Amino acid sequence: MLFTVYVQYASVHHKIYIGYTSNLAARLLSHNKLATKGWTIRFRPWKVIYKEEFDSKVAAMVREKELKSARGRLFIKTLINCYE
């Protein structure tokens, strides 16, 4: 099983979301359509701007934490500038 770390961007609201999952398609469907509560429903629509795959959940969790750090957010800001 692969685990995917992903970064979503809601350009209308200028918000980012960083997460990991073992089923990216289902997770994105949840963020954009199916979920009825939670932080992400307020800022729809979301678009994936970055993703990485890992062989283990632990590795994905480590990378997610890195992306949530100051250095990781700077990297994400650079990605966002490419989309705007």
N, C-alpha and C. Protein backbone atom coordinates (compact mmCIF):
# COMPACT_ATOMS: atom_id res chain seq x y z
N MET A 1 0.84 -1.18 0.00
CA MET A 1 0.00 0.00 0.00
C MET A 1 0.88 1.24 0.00
N LEU A 2 0.53 2.19 -0.85
CA LEU A 2 1.25 3.46 -0.90
C LEU A 2 0.48 4.53 -0.13
N PHE A 3 1.23 5.46 0.41
CA PHE A 3 0.64 6.59 1.11
C PHE A 3 1.05 7.86 0.37
N THR A 4 0.11 8.74 0.19
CA THR A 4 0.35 9.98 -0.56
C THR A 4 0.25 11.17 0.38
N VAL A 5 1.28 12.01 0.33
CA VAL A 5 1.24 13.30 1.00
C VAL A 5 0.84 14.30 -0.08
N TYR A 6 -0.12 15.15 0.24
CA TYR A 6 -0.63 16.06 -0.78
C TYR A 6 -0.82 17.46 -0.21
N VAL A 7 -0.76 18.42 -1.12
CA VAL A 7 -1.03 19.81 -0.79
C VAL A 7 -2.15 20.27 -1.69
N GLN A 8 -3.20 20.79 -1.07
CA GLN A 8 -4.32 21.35 -1.82
C GLN A 8 -4.31 22.86 -1.64
N TYR A 9 -4.84 23.53 -2.65
CA TYR A 9 -4.93 24.99 -2.59
C TYR A 9 -6.33 25.41 -3.00
N ALA A 10 -6.92 26.28 -2.21
CA ALA A 10 -8.22 26.87 -2.53
C ALA A 10 -7.94 28.31 -2.96
N SER A 11 -7.82 28.53 -4.25
CA SER A 11 -7.39 29.83 -4.76
C SER A 11 -8.39 30.95 -4.45
N VAL A 12 -9.68 30.63 -4.40
CA VAL A 12 -10.69 31.64 -4.10
C VAL A 12 -10.47 32.24 -2.71
N HIS A 13 -10.03 31.40 -1.77
CA HIS A 13 -9.86 31.83 -0.38
C HIS A 13 -8.40 31.96 0.04
N HIS A 14 -7.47 31.63 -0.86
CA HIS A 14 -6.03 31.66 -0.58
C HIS A 14 -5.67 30.82 0.64
N LYS A 15 -6.19 29.59 0.69
CA LYS A 15 -5.94 28.66 1.79
C LYS A 15 -5.22 27.43 1.26
N ILE A 16 -4.37 26.85 2.13
CA ILE A 16 -3.72 25.58 1.79
C ILE A 16 -4.13 24.53 2.80
N TYR A 17 -4.05 23.29 2.35
CA TYR A 17 -4.31 22.14 3.23
C TYR A 17 -3.26 21.10 2.91
N ILE A 18 -2.62 20.59 3.94
CA ILE A 18 -1.59 19.57 3.79
C ILE A 18 -2.06 18.33 4.52
N GLY A 19 -2.01 17.18 3.85
CA GLY A 19 -2.44 15.95 4.48
C GLY A 19 -1.78 14.74 3.86
N TYR A 20 -2.14 13.57 4.38
CA TYR A 20 -1.68 12.32 3.80
C TYR A 20 -2.83 11.33 3.82
N THR A 21 -2.77 10.36 2.91
CA THR A 21 -3.84 9.38 2.79
C THR A 21 -3.34 8.15 2.05
N SER A 22 -4.07 7.06 2.19
CA SER A 22 -3.77 5.86 1.42
C SER A 22 -4.68 5.76 0.20
N ASN A 23 -5.64 6.69 0.07
CA ASN A 23 -6.56 6.70 -1.08
C ASN A 23 -6.83 8.15 -1.47
N LEU A 24 -5.98 8.68 -2.32
CA LEU A 24 -6.05 10.10 -2.67
C LEU A 24 -7.36 10.46 -3.37
N ALA A 25 -7.82 9.66 -4.29
CA ALA A 25 -9.05 9.98 -5.01
C ALA A 25 -10.24 10.12 -4.06
N ALA A 26 -10.37 9.18 -3.13
CA ALA A 26 -11.48 9.23 -2.17
C ALA A 26 -11.33 10.43 -1.24
N ARG A 27 -10.12 10.72 -0.85
CA ARG A 27 -9.89 11.85 0.06
C ARG A 27 -10.24 13.17 -0.60
N LEU A 28 -9.87 13.32 -1.87
CA LEU A 28 -10.18 14.56 -2.59
C LEU A 28 -11.67 14.70 -2.81
N LEU A 29 -12.34 13.61 -3.10
CA LEU A 29 -13.80 13.64 -3.24
C LEU A 29 -14.45 14.10 -1.93
N SER A 30 -13.93 13.61 -0.84
CA SER A 30 -14.42 14.02 0.47
C SER A 30 -14.22 15.51 0.70
N HIS A 31 -13.02 16.01 0.41
CA HIS A 31 -12.72 17.43 0.62
C HIS A 31 -13.63 18.32 -0.23
N ASN A 32 -13.86 17.93 -1.47
CA ASN A 32 -14.57 18.80 -2.41
C ASN A 32 -16.08 18.59 -2.48
N LYS A 33 -16.58 17.40 -2.10
CA LYS A 33 -18.01 17.15 -2.31
C LYS A 33 -18.72 16.45 -1.16
N LEU A 34 -18.17 15.39 -0.64
CA LEU A 34 -18.91 14.53 0.26
C LEU A 34 -18.96 14.98 1.72
N ALA A 35 -17.91 15.57 2.21
CA ALA A 35 -17.85 15.95 3.62
C ALA A 35 -18.91 16.99 3.95
N THR A 36 -19.50 16.85 5.12
CA THR A 36 -20.52 17.81 5.56
C THR A 36 -20.07 18.63 6.76
N LYS A 37 -18.92 18.29 7.32
CA LYS A 37 -18.37 19.09 8.42
C LYS A 37 -16.85 19.06 8.33
N GLY A 38 -16.23 20.01 9.01
CA GLY A 38 -14.78 20.09 9.01
C GLY A 38 -14.29 21.39 8.38
N TRP A 39 -13.03 21.64 8.56
CA TRP A 39 -12.40 22.89 8.11
C TRP A 39 -12.42 23.03 6.59
N THR A 40 -12.16 21.94 5.87
CA THR A 40 -12.00 22.06 4.41
C THR A 40 -13.29 22.39 3.68
N ILE A 41 -14.44 22.07 4.24
CA ILE A 41 -15.69 22.34 3.50
C ILE A 41 -15.96 23.84 3.34
N ARG A 42 -15.39 24.65 4.20
CA ARG A 42 -15.63 26.09 4.14
C ARG A 42 -14.89 26.79 3.01
N PHE A 43 -13.89 26.13 2.45
CA PHE A 43 -13.03 26.80 1.47
C PHE A 43 -13.03 26.12 0.11
N ARG A 44 -14.03 25.35 -0.19
CA ARG A 44 -14.13 24.68 -1.49
C ARG A 44 -14.20 25.69 -2.61
N PRO A 45 -13.72 25.37 -3.80
CA PRO A 45 -13.13 24.11 -4.23
C PRO A 45 -11.63 24.06 -3.98
N TRP A 46 -11.13 22.83 -3.82
CA TRP A 46 -9.72 22.56 -3.60
C TRP A 46 -9.11 21.95 -4.86
N LYS A 47 -7.85 22.29 -5.10
CA LYS A 47 -7.11 21.70 -6.21
C LYS A 47 -5.77 21.21 -5.68
N VAL A 48 -5.40 19.99 -6.05
CA VAL A 48 -4.10 19.45 -5.64
C VAL A 48 -3.02 20.16 -6.43
N ILE A 49 -2.05 20.73 -5.72
CA ILE A 49 -0.95 21.41 -6.39
C ILE A 49 0.37 20.67 -6.21
N TYR A 50 0.38 19.65 -5.33
CA TYR A 50 1.62 18.90 -5.10
C TYR A 50 1.27 17.58 -4.42
N LYS A 51 2.01 16.53 -4.79
CA LYS A 51 1.85 15.25 -4.11
C LYS A 51 3.13 14.44 -4.20
N GLU A 52 3.33 13.59 -3.21
CA GLU A 52 4.47 12.66 -3.14
C GLU A 52 3.95 11.34 -2.61
N GLU A 53 4.51 10.23 -3.10
CA GLU A 53 4.10 8.91 -2.63
C GLU A 53 5.20 8.26 -1.79
N PHE A 54 4.76 7.49 -0.77
CA PHE A 54 5.69 6.83 0.15
C PHE A 54 5.24 5.40 0.37
N ASP A 55 6.20 4.54 0.66
CA ASP A 55 5.91 3.12 0.92
C ASP A 55 5.38 2.87 2.32
N SER A 56 5.59 3.81 3.23
CA SER A 56 5.14 3.58 4.60
C SER A 56 4.38 4.79 5.13
N LYS A 57 3.48 4.51 6.05
CA LYS A 57 2.70 5.56 6.70
C LYS A 57 3.61 6.48 7.50
N VAL A 58 4.60 5.91 8.16
CA VAL A 58 5.52 6.71 8.97
C VAL A 58 6.28 7.71 8.11
N ALA A 59 6.76 7.27 6.95
CA ALA A 59 7.48 8.18 6.05
C ALA A 59 6.57 9.30 5.56
N ALA A 60 5.32 8.96 5.26
CA ALA A 60 4.36 9.98 4.82
C ALA A 60 4.10 10.99 5.94
N MET A 61 3.98 10.51 7.15
CA MET A 61 3.73 11.40 8.29
C MET A 61 4.91 12.33 8.53
N VAL A 62 6.11 11.82 8.36
CA VAL A 62 7.31 12.66 8.52
C VAL A 62 7.33 13.76 7.47
N ARG A 63 7.02 13.39 6.22
CA ARG A 63 7.03 14.39 5.14
C ARG A 63 5.91 15.41 5.34
N GLU A 64 4.75 14.96 5.78
CA GLU A 64 3.66 15.90 6.05
C GLU A 64 4.10 16.93 7.09
N LYS A 65 4.75 16.46 8.13
CA LYS A 65 5.24 17.37 9.18
C LYS A 65 6.26 18.35 8.61
N GLU A 66 7.14 17.88 7.72
CA GLU A 66 8.12 18.77 7.09
C GLU A 66 7.43 19.86 6.28
N LEU A 67 6.40 19.47 5.53
CA LEU A 67 5.69 20.45 4.71
C LEU A 67 4.93 21.47 5.56
N LYS A 68 4.59 21.11 6.78
CA LYS A 68 3.88 22.02 7.68
C LYS A 68 4.85 22.93 8.44
N SER A 69 6.14 22.72 8.28
CA SER A 69 7.14 23.56 8.93
C SER A 69 7.31 24.87 8.15
N ALA A 70 8.08 25.78 8.70
CA ALA A 70 8.33 27.05 8.02
C ALA A 70 8.98 26.83 6.66
N ARG A 71 9.96 25.95 6.59
CA ARG A 71 10.64 25.67 5.32
C ARG A 71 9.67 25.05 4.31
N GLY A 72 8.84 24.13 4.79
CA GLY A 72 7.86 23.49 3.92
C GLY A 72 6.83 24.47 3.39
N ARG A 73 6.38 25.37 4.24
CA ARG A 73 5.40 26.37 3.81
C ARG A 73 6.01 27.35 2.81
N LEU A 74 7.29 27.63 2.93
CA LEU A 74 7.97 28.46 1.94
C LEU A 74 8.00 27.75 0.59
N PHE A 75 8.28 26.45 0.59
CA PHE A 75 8.24 25.64 -0.62
C PHE A 75 6.84 25.69 -1.24
N ILE A 76 5.82 25.55 -0.42
CA ILE A 76 4.44 25.56 -0.91
C ILE A 76 4.07 26.93 -1.47
N LYS A 77 4.53 27.98 -0.83
CA LYS A 77 4.27 29.33 -1.32
C LYS A 77 4.85 29.51 -2.72
N THR A 78 6.02 28.94 -2.96
CA THR A 78 6.63 28.98 -4.29
C THR A 78 5.74 28.26 -5.30
N LEU A 79 5.18 27.12 -4.92
CA LEU A 79 4.26 26.39 -5.80
C LEU A 79 3.03 27.23 -6.13
N ILE A 80 2.48 27.87 -5.12
CA ILE A 80 1.28 28.67 -5.30
C ILE A 80 1.55 29.83 -6.26
N ASN A 81 2.71 30.42 -6.14
CA ASN A 81 3.06 31.52 -7.04
C ASN A 81 3.08 31.07 -8.49
N CYS A 82 3.33 29.80 -8.73
CA CYS A 82 3.31 29.25 -10.09
C CYS A 82 1.87 29.12 -10.61
N TYR A 83 0.91 29.00 -9.72
CA TYR A 83 -0.50 28.82 -10.10
C TYR A 83 -1.23 30.14 -10.24
N GLU A 84 -0.70 31.18 -9.67
CA GLU A 84 -1.42 32.48 -9.72
C GLU A 84 -0.82 33.40 -10.73
